[in-house]
């Protein structure tokens, strides 16, 4: 193999590669041998069909697989020689298919991390707030647990419903007296005050007692996700079948048994431990952010455009998901085009990538690695959270290249932990909380 490297930018390389005719021949013969031992051909026992017949029958597949084997072997060799780790998709551009007796020439184009002098990150001093138990916070945690185990019981009286109550209802929308398809439901549970529906619709529901019907005008916003309804005003008819409220369980032996605790003291001990652990993680994260800000100050380097684009797409997708849950579209809500929105979010994406690049460079210096098992564990956890089949999700990560983004994310986390572990961390008391008069109050647990 012969190769030459062209530096397209500080973070982009183009490598021209030529495989000798002997290498091409060896790759073709190796692939033919693999096919010969694995495929079945009528009239021959497995592994006994002539190589020439195998090549004739599967020529296109054999030559393409041999070409891919050559490219994959070269990629590994080139990356070792350049001491480079691609942070983008590796684009290939070649002479087409292989030909026996001929060399094969092609190019690789990819982005890498920029090369720059790392700032000193060992022994940095940073302050971190102490964790102090807040009994009000653990009490609120217990309230949330009770809320999760609450029973829905009918309210006293006939209503109408108020915030915090759940109304079971039928609704249907009409435009000029004609029913609107797909804008109706039966036995729909609406929690009032939880922003599950438009404000106008909730206001209407709050006027209708149990067992009664009512109607009112509902106006959809201009940025409503369903374009046929965007900006329209329709008549909504509602029938209320039940109004319920949550009845919190008493903190008794039955409640503790459901939570698998022997006593109230044991429950509070677990809540306190959970609170202290979460606050410790929060305070550690704040200290790590302080360290990162200090390291990035006055540090300049080029950013791989592929990393910026990936992060930008993630920010846009996150915002789009948030708006879609509210029934709104991204462009209509902002009044700006997609390209304008990308421009607005680009500085945020670049800052995230700056941090990621710095941490990946530190990870390389510290010789940190992410194992296949760690990647699989993360994807397995994601599959459990989403309910998607693990093997299907793993395949999607591998095919889309998301597995490399995940690897870099885990590497960056390890590098951040390394910087923190090497820092001189001083615990300090929480900052005083200012009361409404603007004066410093007593130090309260954070």
Foldseek 3Di string as FASTA:
>chain_A
DDKDWDDPDLWKIKIKDKAALVLLVVLLVVLLQVCQQPDDDPPDDRNGDDSVVSCVVCVVVSQVVSVVVVVVVVVVVVCVVVVWDFPFDWDKAWDPTDDHPGMTIIMTMTTTFGDDDFDDLFAAEFEFAAFDFDVVVLVVVVVVVLQVVWDKDFDPDFALDDAQKKWFKWKWKADPRHTDPPRIDHRDIDHPPPLQDDPVVSVQSRVATAQGKDKDKDAADQQFQPNVRHGDIIIMIMGTHTMIHTDGDDPDCVVCVVVPHDDPVRVSVVSRVVSRVVVVVVRLVVRLVVSLVVRCPPDDDDFDVNQLVVLLVVVQVVVQVVVVSSRGGDCRVVVHDPVVVSVVCSVVSVVVRSLLSSLLVLLVVVVHFDDPVNLLVVLVVVCVVVVHDSVVSVVVCVVVVVSSVVRSVVSSVVSSVVSSVSYHYHYDHDDFDQDPVRDGDDRDRD
